[in-house]
Structure formats: C-alpha cells, structure tokens
C-alpha atoms as a PDB file:
ATOM      1  CA  UNK A   1       0.000   0.000   0.000  1.00  0.00           C
ATOM      2  CA  UNK A   2       1.259   3.435  -0.877  1.00  0.00           C
ATOM      3  CA  UNK A   3       2.155   5.743   2.028  1.00  0.00           C
ATOM      4  CA  UNK A   4      -0.031   8.513   0.565  1.00  0.00           C
ATOM      5  CA  UNK A   5      -3.114   6.339   0.814  1.00  0.00           C
ATOM      6  CA  UNK A   6      -2.365   5.009   4.273  1.00  0.00           C
ATOM      7  CA  UNK A   7      -4.660   6.511   6.926  1.00  0.00           C
ATOM      8  CA  UNK A   8      -2.835   8.167   9.784  1.00  0.00           C
ATOM      9  CA  UNK A   9      -4.386   8.979  13.148  1.00  0.00           C
ATOM     10  CA  UNK A  10      -2.166  12.050  13.427  1.00  0.00           C
ATOM     11  CA  UNK A  11      -3.185  13.440  10.037  1.00  0.00           C
ATOM     12  CA  UNK A  12      -4.243  17.078  10.054  1.00  0.00           C
ATOM     13  CA  UNK A  13      -2.862  17.656  13.561  1.00  0.00           C
ATOM     14  CA  UNK A  14      -5.287  15.260  15.239  1.00  0.00           C
ATOM     15  CA  UNK A  15      -4.093  13.897  18.541  1.00  0.00           C
ATOM     16  CA  UNK A  16      -4.884  10.739  20.422  1.00  0.00           C
ATOM     17  CA  UNK A  17      -7.621  11.503  22.975  1.00  0.00           C
ATOM     18  CA  UNK A  18      -5.906   9.470  25.643  1.00  0.00           C
ATOM     19  CA  UNK A  19      -2.916  11.803  25.944  1.00  0.00           C
ATOM     20  CA  UNK A  20      -4.642  13.904  28.670  1.00  0.00           C
ATOM     21  CA  UNK A  21      -4.875  17.284  26.998  1.00  0.00           C
ATOM     22  CA  UNK A  22      -6.247  20.036  29.249  1.00  0.00           C
ATOM     23  CA  UNK A  23      -9.144  20.594  26.870  1.00  0.00           C
ATOM     24  CA  UNK A  24     -10.285  17.029  27.477  1.00  0.00           C
ATOM     25  CA  UNK A  25     -10.299  17.306  31.270  1.00  0.00           C
ATOM     26  CA  UNK A  26     -13.513  17.568  33.227  1.00  0.00           C
ATOM     27  CA  UNK A  27     -14.363  21.189  34.183  1.00  0.00           C
ATOM     28  CA  UNK A  28     -14.275  20.403  37.904  1.00  0.00           C
ATOM     29  CA  UNK A  29     -10.597  19.426  37.530  1.00  0.00           C
ATOM     30  CA  UNK A  30      -9.859  23.050  36.562  1.00  0.00           C
ATOM     31  CA  UNK A  31     -11.523  24.632  39.647  1.00  0.00           C
ATOM     32  CA  UNK A  32      -9.309  26.328  42.205  1.00  0.00           C
ATOM     33  CA  UNK A  33      -9.188  25.076  45.764  1.00  0.00           C
ATOM     34  CA  UNK A  34     -11.171  26.669  48.566  1.00  0.00           C
ATOM     35  CA  UNK A  35      -7.926  27.917  50.111  1.00  0.00           C
ATOM     36  CA  UNK A  36      -6.829  29.534  46.820  1.00  0.00           C
ATOM     37  CA  UNK A  37     -10.235  31.172  46.493  1.00  0.00           C
ATOM     38  CA  UNK A  38     -10.001  32.446  50.073  1.00  0.00           C
ATOM     39  CA  UNK A  39      -6.574  33.919  49.346  1.00  0.00           C
ATOM     40  CA  UNK A  40      -7.921  35.640  46.229  1.00  0.00           C
ATOM     41  CA  UNK A  41     -10.792  37.176  48.217  1.00  0.00           C
ATOM     42  CA  UNK A  42      -8.424  38.273  50.969  1.00  0.00           C
ATOM     43  CA  UNK A  43      -6.059  39.928  48.493  1.00  0.00           C
ATOM     44  CA  UNK A  44      -8.989  41.593  46.709  1.00  0.00           C
ATOM     45  CA  UNK A  45     -10.140  43.408  49.865  1.00  0.00           C
ATOM     46  CA  UNK A  46      -6.800  44.340  51.412  1.00  0.00           C
ATOM     47  CA  UNK A  47      -4.753  47.410  50.708  1.00  0.00           C
ATOM     48  CA  UNK A  48      -1.888  45.446  49.194  1.00  0.00           C
ATOM     49  CA  UNK A  49      -1.515  47.984  46.354  1.00  0.00           C
ATOM     50  CA  UNK A  50      -1.067  50.856  48.812  1.00  0.00           C
ATOM     51  CA  UNK A  51       1.920  51.477  51.081  1.00  0.00           C
ATOM     52  CA  UNK A  52       1.708  50.554  54.763  1.00  0.00           C
ATOM     53  CA  UNK A  53       1.077  53.636  56.857  1.00  0.00           C
ATOM     54  CA  UNK A  54       2.568  54.455  60.236  1.00  0.00           C
ATOM     55  CA  UNK A  55       0.322  55.051  63.236  1.00  0.00           C
ATOM     56  CA  UNK A  56      -0.165  58.726  64.009  1.00  0.00           C
ATOM     57  CA  UNK A  57      -1.350  59.518  67.527  1.00  0.00           C
ATOM     58  CA  UNK A  58      -4.644  61.377  67.550  1.00  0.00           C
ATOM     59  CA  UNK A  59      -5.428  60.750  63.870  1.00  0.00           C
ATOM     60  CA  UNK A  60      -7.145  58.134  61.729  1.00  0.00           C
ATOM     61  CA  UNK A  61      -5.477  57.763  58.316  1.00  0.00           C
ATOM     62  CA  UNK A  62      -7.243  56.608  55.177  1.00  0.00           C
ATOM     63  CA  UNK A  63      -6.832  56.586  51.421  1.00  0.00           C
ATOM     64  CA  UNK A  64      -9.517  58.486  49.517  1.00  0.00           C
ATOM     65  CA  UNK A  65     -10.281  58.044  45.828  1.00  0.00           C
ATOM     66  CA  UNK A  66     -10.056  60.988  43.470  1.00  0.00           C
ATOM     67  CA  UNK A  67     -12.322  59.184  40.984  1.00  0.00           C
ATOM     68  CA  UNK A  68     -15.313  58.339  43.206  1.00  0.00           C
ATOM     69  CA  UNK A  69     -18.058  60.861  42.435  1.00  0.00           C
ATOM     70  CA  UNK A  70     -20.349  59.646  45.242  1.00  0.00           C
ATOM     71  CA  UNK A  71     -17.706  59.685  47.993  1.00  0.00           C
ATOM     72  CA  UNK A  72     -15.738  62.679  46.762  1.00  0.00           C
ATOM     73  CA  UNK A  73     -12.707  64.339  48.316  1.00  0.00           C
ATOM     74  CA  UNK A  74     -14.740  67.551  48.740  1.00  0.00           C
ATOM     75  CA  UNK A  75     -17.401  65.645  50.687  1.00  0.00           C
ATOM     76  CA  UNK A  76     -14.764  64.181  53.009  1.00  0.00           C
ATOM     77  CA  UNK A  77     -13.183  67.619  53.556  1.00  0.00           C
ATOM     78  CA  UNK A  78     -16.612  68.937  54.622  1.00  0.00           C
ATOM     79  CA  UNK A  79     -16.764  66.016  57.101  1.00  0.00           C
ATOM     80  CA  UNK A  80     -13.448  67.038  58.678  1.00  0.00           C
ATOM     81  CA  UNK A  81     -10.817  65.125  56.719  1.00  0.00           C
ATOM     82  CA  UNK A  82      -7.486  66.888  56.186  1.00  0.00           C
ATOM     83  CA  UNK A  83      -4.921  66.050  53.469  1.00  0.00           C
ATOM     84  CA  UNK A  84      -1.614  64.578  54.603  1.00  0.00           C
ATOM     85  CA  UNK A  85       1.390  66.533  53.314  1.00  0.00           C
ATOM     86  CA  UNK A  86       4.536  64.672  52.302  1.00  0.00           C
ATOM     87  CA  UNK A  87       6.571  66.638  54.905  1.00  0.00           C
ATOM     88  CA  UNK A  88       4.558  64.942  57.671  1.00  0.00           C
ATOM     89  CA  UNK A  89       5.813  61.456  56.738  1.00  0.00           C
ATOM     90  CA  UNK A  90       9.554  61.165  56.163  1.00  0.00           C
ATOM     91  CA  UNK A  91      10.272  58.382  53.690  1.00  0.00           C
ATOM     92  CA  UNK A  92       7.111  59.024  51.656  1.00  0.00           C
ATOM     93  CA  UNK A  93       8.827  61.437  49.233  1.00  0.00           C
ATOM     94  CA  UNK A  94       8.217  59.023  46.346  1.00  0.00           C
ATOM     95  CA  UNK A  95       4.465  59.408  46.900  1.00  0.00           C
ATOM     96  CA  UNK A  96       4.536  63.242  46.839  1.00  0.00           C
ATOM     97  CA  UNK A  97       2.270  64.867  44.229  1.00  0.00           C
ATOM     98  CA  UNK A  98       4.532  67.109  42.165  1.00  0.00           C
ATOM     99  CA  UNK A  99       1.994  69.010  40.067  1.00  0.00           C
ATOM    100  CA  UNK A 100      -1.698  69.768  39.802  1.00  0.00           C
ATOM    101  CA  UNK A 101      -4.395  70.468  42.330  1.00  0.00           C
ATOM    102  CA  UNK A 102      -2.923  68.297  45.119  1.00  0.00           C
ATOM    103  CA  UNK A 103       0.743  69.417  45.056  1.00  0.00           C
ATOM    104  CA  UNK A 104       2.624  68.274  48.157  1.00  0.00           C
ATOM    105  CA  UNK A 105       0.032  65.722  49.226  1.00  0.00           C
ATOM    106  CA  UNK A 106       0.756  61.993  49.519  1.00  0.00           C
ATOM    107  CA  UNK A 107      -0.727  60.001  46.641  1.00  0.00           C
ATOM    108  CA  UNK A 108      -0.635  56.466  45.280  1.00  0.00           C
ATOM    109  CA  UNK A 109      -2.320  55.735  41.953  1.00  0.00           C
ATOM    110  CA  UNK A 110      -5.637  57.662  42.076  1.00  0.00           C
ATOM    111  CA  UNK A 111      -5.724  57.644  45.886  1.00  0.00           C
ATOM    112  CA  UNK A 112      -4.845  60.532  48.211  1.00  0.00           C
ATOM    113  CA  UNK A 113      -3.907  60.123  51.863  1.00  0.00           C
ATOM    114  CA  UNK A 114      -6.166  61.995  54.304  1.00  0.00           C
ATOM    115  CA  UNK A 115      -6.473  62.081  58.059  1.00  0.00           C
ATOM    116  CA  UNK A 116      -9.369  62.590  60.436  1.00  0.00           C
ATOM    117  CA  UNK A 117      -9.053  63.569  64.121  1.00  0.00           C
ATOM    118  CA  UNK A 118      -9.442  60.405  66.200  1.00  0.00           C
ATOM    119  CA  UNK A 119     -12.178  62.009  68.318  1.00  0.00           C
ATOM    120  CA  UNK A 120     -14.386  62.492  65.232  1.00  0.00           C
ATOM    121  CA  UNK A 121     -13.454  59.030  63.907  1.00  0.00           C
ATOM    122  CA  UNK A 122     -14.527  57.395  67.199  1.00  0.00           C
ATOM    123  CA  UNK A 123     -17.854  59.267  67.182  1.00  0.00           C
ATOM    124  CA  UNK A 124     -18.604  58.310  63.574  1.00  0.00           C
ATOM    125  CA  UNK A 125     -17.615  54.665  64.041  1.00  0.00           C
ATOM    126  CA  UNK A 126     -19.610  54.398  67.285  1.00  0.00           C
ATOM    127  CA  UNK A 127     -22.674  55.862  65.593  1.00  0.00           C
ATOM    128  CA  UNK A 128     -22.428  53.731  62.426  1.00  0.00           C
ATOM    129  CA  UNK A 129     -21.213  50.438  63.932  1.00  0.00           C
ATOM    130  CA  UNK A 130     -22.621  50.437  67.472  1.00  0.00           C
ATOM    131  CA  UNK A 131     -25.588  52.788  67.922  1.00  0.00           C
ATOM    132  CA  UNK A 132     -27.297  52.240  64.538  1.00  0.00           C
ATOM    133  CA  UNK A 133     -27.093  48.409  64.694  1.00  0.00           C
ATOM    134  CA  UNK A 134     -28.524  48.500  68.247  1.00  0.00           C
ATOM    135  CA  UNK A 135     -31.418  50.661  67.007  1.00  0.00           C
ATOM    136  CA  UNK A 136     -32.106  48.215  64.171  1.00  0.00           C
ATOM    137  CA  UNK A 137     -31.943  45.259  66.571  1.00  0.00           C
ATOM    138  CA  UNK A 138     -34.497  46.959  68.822  1.00  0.00           C
ATOM    139  CA  UNK A 139     -36.821  47.499  65.835  1.00  0.00           C
ATOM    140  CA  UNK A 140     -36.568  43.835  64.830  1.00  0.00           C
ATOM    141  CA  UNK A 141     -37.213  42.723  68.414  1.00  0.00           C
ATOM    142  CA  UNK A 142     -40.329  44.926  68.651  1.00  0.00           C
ATOM    143  CA  UNK A 143     -41.640  43.691  65.290  1.00  0.00           C
ATOM    144  CA  UNK A 144     -41.110  40.067  66.295  1.00  0.00           C
ATOM    145  CA  UNK A 145     -42.862  40.636  69.631  1.00  0.00           C
ATOM    146  CA  UNK A 146     -45.803  42.307  67.875  1.00  0.00           C
ATOM    147  CA  UNK A 147     -46.165  39.365  65.489  1.00  0.00           C
ATOM    148  CA  UNK A 148     -45.826  36.709  68.198  1.00  0.00           C
ATOM    149  CA  UNK A 149     -49.105  34.839  68.413  1.00  0.00           C
ATOM    150  CA  UNK A 150     -50.499  36.541  65.291  1.00  0.00           C
ATOM    151  CA  UNK A 151     -52.418  34.244  62.960  1.00  0.00           C
ATOM    152  CA  UNK A 152     -53.585  34.441  59.346  1.00  0.00           C
ATOM    153  CA  UNK A 153     -57.217  34.065  58.214  1.00  0.00           C
ATOM    154  CA  UNK A 154     -56.895  30.252  58.300  1.00  0.00           C
ATOM    155  CA  UNK A 155     -55.589  30.261  61.865  1.00  0.00           C
ATOM    156  CA  UNK A 156     -51.961  29.458  60.980  1.00  0.00           C
ATOM    157  CA  UNK A 157     -49.217  31.209  62.943  1.00  0.00           C
ATOM    158  CA  UNK A 158     -47.546  34.063  61.038  1.00  0.00           C
ATOM    159  CA  UNK A 159     -44.283  33.750  62.927  1.00  0.00           C
ATOM    160  CA  UNK A 160     -42.388  30.669  63.988  1.00  0.00           C
ATOM    161  CA  UNK A 161     -39.126  31.075  65.873  1.00  0.00           C
ATOM    162  CA  UNK A 162     -36.395  28.588  65.090  1.00  0.00           C
ATOM    163  CA  UNK A 163     -33.540  27.777  67.436  1.00  0.00           C
ATOM    164  CA  UNK A 164     -32.904  30.668  69.786  1.00  0.00           C
ATOM    165  CA  UNK A 165     -35.122  32.851  67.623  1.00  0.00           C
ATOM    166  CA  UNK A 166     -33.939  36.397  67.995  1.00  0.00           C
ATOM    167  CA  UNK A 167     -32.340  35.761  71.363  1.00  0.00           C
ATOM    168  CA  UNK A 168     -28.833  36.615  70.195  1.00  0.00           C
ATOM    169  CA  UNK A 169     -29.978  39.913  68.712  1.00  0.00           C
ATOM    170  CA  UNK A 170     -31.055  41.008  72.183  1.00  0.00           C
ATOM    171  CA  UNK A 171     -27.563  40.316  73.537  1.00  0.00           C
ATOM    172  CA  UNK A 172     -26.013  43.405  71.969  1.00  0.00           C
ATOM    173  CA  UNK A 173     -22.948  44.798  73.751  1.00  0.00           C
ATOM    174  CA  UNK A 174     -23.876  47.621  76.098  1.00  0.00           C
ATOM    175  CA  UNK A 175     -20.340  48.957  76.508  1.00  0.00           C
ATOM    176  CA  UNK A 176     -19.333  51.418  73.796  1.00  0.00           C
ATOM    177  CA  UNK A 177     -16.437  49.923  71.822  1.00  0.00           C
ATOM    178  CA  UNK A 178     -13.189  51.725  71.013  1.00  0.00           C
ATOM    179  CA  UNK A 179     -12.320  51.477  67.337  1.00  0.00           C
ATOM    180  CA  UNK A 180      -8.728  51.231  66.177  1.00  0.00           C
ATOM    181  CA  UNK A 181      -7.671  53.908  63.746  1.00  0.00           C
END
C-alpha cells in the first residue's frame, strides 16, 4: 500500500484523545481550591496595592479616591478630613504629588492620603457600627414581639421562631467599643 493512501491517526494535527490534553479534562478538575479562592478574596479586599502607613497619635489615616463621584474628596473635607502633606511622613517622598491640584500631598495611583481627628473618627464609628445596629436590633425585636401569636385568616401562625429565635440579637454589647484607627 502506498504511504499517501495510508490513513494516519495524526493526520491534520489530530491527537490521540488518551494523551490527557487540558481541553479534554472535566471542568471540575480546573476549579481552584477553597484555600486559593479564600486567598484571592483576601487579596482583593486588602490594601496590598497601597503602602503601609505608620500610626499617628490622635489621627485616623485613610486613602480616599479621586475618581469616586459619590464619595468625593470635597465631601470628606466637609466632614473634617485633612490632606496629609509629604513633609509629615519622612520616607514618603516618592508618593509626593509634584503638580496639579494636590501638590505636596501623599498620593498612590488615584488615591490621596487623608487624616481625620481620632475624636471624630470614634464618634462616627460608634454611631455607624454600634448605635445604629442597636437601634435596628431593637426594631426587629419589637416587630417580632408584635407578630408573636399573630395568625392568618386560616388560623396558621404568622411567625415561627427557630432555634434561639432572635435571642442573640437582644444580647447586643452595652459597653461602647473603642475602634482602632
């Protein structure tokens, strides 16, 4: 038989399916592990792209975006935030804005470094993360108490508590927390 007429399995770049090509693997074999996914999430929400900041007594430091129209720099200035100048942090000369509206401020990518007096920071954090959640918990507790024993037109209970019900919501901390800056 002539070699031109002989059928070849590798003709036209075809490969043997048993060689374990990635395209022939099951999709679940390509999934990342739970630990890898956790690391990705952790890296996504940390400030790994921004330099580590020193602690400054009496001030809370934060990076503010120059591109966020909802949470603008002007809004934060009205709330008491103050820009951090490069002279305040020795060793941050590389992050000094050299031209434009924010000359002398510390910047990284589109972010500017601002500070807020710790007294204001504590008040805001206490209000947003202690007082407001307690108020909401009280509302939920009152609503649940009002619905307890309520029945629909067929006599079926409208509310059924499972487990501890809302018991843990009533165990809110009474002591005002101190937030780290």
